[in-house]
Amino acid sequence: MLDQIKTVVTRSRDTLLSDALGATALMVILVVGLHLPSFS
């Protein structure tokens, strides 16, 4: 399984950073969206 992960990382090195940034942005949107009702 570790070999498969290494292969995926080496094949998708170009898009790995943008995918990580997109996932982080989605998590931030989720957390902010869940906390919005408590502000009103």
N, C-alpha and C. Protein backbone atom coordinates (compact mmCIF):
# COMPACT_ATOMS: atom_id res chain seq x y z
N MET A 1 0.83 -1.19 0.00
CA MET A 1 0.00 0.00 0.00
C MET A 1 0.88 1.25 0.00
N LEU A 2 1.99 1.21 0.72
CA LEU A 2 2.89 2.36 0.75
C LEU A 2 3.47 2.63 -0.63
N ASP A 3 3.74 1.57 -1.38
CA ASP A 3 4.24 1.74 -2.75
C ASP A 3 3.21 2.42 -3.63
N GLN A 4 1.94 2.08 -3.44
CA GLN A 4 0.88 2.70 -4.23
C GLN A 4 0.76 4.19 -3.91
N ILE A 5 0.89 4.54 -2.64
CA ILE A 5 0.82 5.94 -2.24
C ILE A 5 1.99 6.71 -2.85
N LYS A 6 3.17 6.14 -2.81
CA LYS A 6 4.34 6.80 -3.41
C LYS A 6 4.15 6.99 -4.91
N THR A 7 3.57 6.00 -5.57
CA THR A 7 3.34 6.10 -7.01
C THR A 7 2.33 7.20 -7.32
N VAL A 8 1.28 7.28 -6.54
CA VAL A 8 0.27 8.33 -6.75
C VAL A 8 0.87 9.70 -6.54
N VAL A 9 1.69 9.85 -5.51
CA VAL A 9 2.30 11.15 -5.22
C VAL A 9 3.25 11.56 -6.34
N THR A 10 4.04 10.63 -6.85
CA THR A 10 4.97 11.00 -7.91
C THR A 10 4.25 11.28 -9.23
N ARG A 11 3.14 10.62 -9.48
CA ARG A 11 2.41 10.86 -10.73
C ARG A 11 1.62 12.16 -10.70
N SER A 12 1.11 12.53 -9.55
CA SER A 12 0.25 13.71 -9.46
C SER A 12 0.90 14.84 -8.68
N ARG A 13 2.20 14.96 -8.78
CA ARG A 13 2.92 16.00 -8.04
C ARG A 13 2.48 17.40 -8.46
N ASP A 14 2.12 17.58 -9.73
CA ASP A 14 1.74 18.90 -10.23
C ASP A 14 0.44 19.39 -9.60
N THR A 15 -0.51 18.52 -9.42
CA THR A 15 -1.82 18.94 -8.93
C THR A 15 -2.00 18.69 -7.43
N LEU A 16 -1.01 18.12 -6.78
CA LEU A 16 -1.16 17.77 -5.37
C LEU A 16 -1.33 19.01 -4.50
N LEU A 17 -0.57 20.06 -4.76
CA LEU A 17 -0.66 21.27 -3.95
C LEU A 17 -2.01 21.96 -4.15
N SER A 18 -2.45 22.06 -5.39
CA SER A 18 -3.74 22.72 -5.62
C SER A 18 -4.89 21.90 -5.05
N ASP A 19 -4.78 20.58 -5.08
CA ASP A 19 -5.82 19.74 -4.46
C ASP A 19 -5.84 19.94 -2.94
N ALA A 20 -4.67 20.04 -2.34
CA ALA A 20 -4.61 20.26 -0.89
C ALA A 20 -5.18 21.62 -0.52
N LEU A 21 -4.89 22.64 -1.33
CA LEU A 21 -5.45 23.96 -1.07
C LEU A 21 -6.96 23.97 -1.24
N GLY A 22 -7.47 23.25 -2.22
CA GLY A 22 -8.91 23.16 -2.42
C GLY A 22 -9.59 22.45 -1.27
N ALA A 23 -8.99 21.38 -0.78
CA ALA A 23 -9.57 20.66 0.35
C ALA A 23 -9.56 21.52 1.61
N THR A 24 -8.49 22.28 1.80
CA THR A 24 -8.42 23.19 2.95
C THR A 24 -9.48 24.27 2.85
N ALA A 25 -9.66 24.82 1.65
CA ALA A 25 -10.69 25.85 1.46
C ALA A 25 -12.08 25.30 1.74
N LEU A 26 -12.35 24.08 1.31
CA LEU A 26 -13.66 23.47 1.58
C LEU A 26 -13.88 23.26 3.08
N MET A 27 -12.85 22.87 3.79
CA MET A 27 -12.98 22.68 5.23
C MET A 27 -13.24 24.01 5.94
N VAL A 28 -12.55 25.06 5.49
CA VAL A 28 -12.77 26.39 6.09
C VAL A 28 -14.20 26.85 5.83
N ILE A 29 -14.69 26.66 4.61
CA ILE A 29 -16.07 27.04 4.29
C ILE A 29 -17.06 26.25 5.15
N LEU A 30 -16.79 24.96 5.35
CA LEU A 30 -17.67 24.14 6.17
C LEU A 30 -17.70 24.63 7.61
N VAL A 31 -16.54 24.89 8.19
CA VAL A 31 -16.47 25.32 9.59
C VAL A 31 -17.15 26.68 9.76
N VAL A 32 -16.87 27.61 8.85
CA VAL A 32 -17.49 28.93 8.94
C VAL A 32 -19.00 28.82 8.77
N GLY A 33 -19.44 28.00 7.83
CA GLY A 33 -20.86 27.82 7.62
C GLY A 33 -21.57 27.22 8.82
N LEU A 34 -20.91 26.34 9.52
CA LEU A 34 -21.51 25.74 10.71
C LEU A 34 -21.56 26.70 11.89
N HIS A 35 -20.65 27.69 11.91
CA HIS A 35 -20.63 28.62 13.01
C HIS A 35 -21.46 29.88 12.74
N LEU A 36 -21.94 30.08 11.54
CA LEU A 36 -22.72 31.28 11.23
C LEU A 36 -24.00 31.40 12.05
N PRO A 37 -24.75 30.34 12.28
CA PRO A 37 -25.98 30.49 13.07
C PRO A 37 -25.72 31.00 14.50
N SER A 38 -24.55 30.75 15.04
CA SER A 38 -24.29 31.19 16.41
C SER A 38 -24.00 32.68 16.50
N PHE A 39 -23.76 33.35 15.36
CA PHE A 39 -23.48 34.78 15.37
C PHE A 39 -24.75 35.63 15.43
N SER A 40 -25.88 35.05 15.06
CA SER A 40 -27.11 35.86 15.01
C SER A 40 -27.91 35.78 16.30
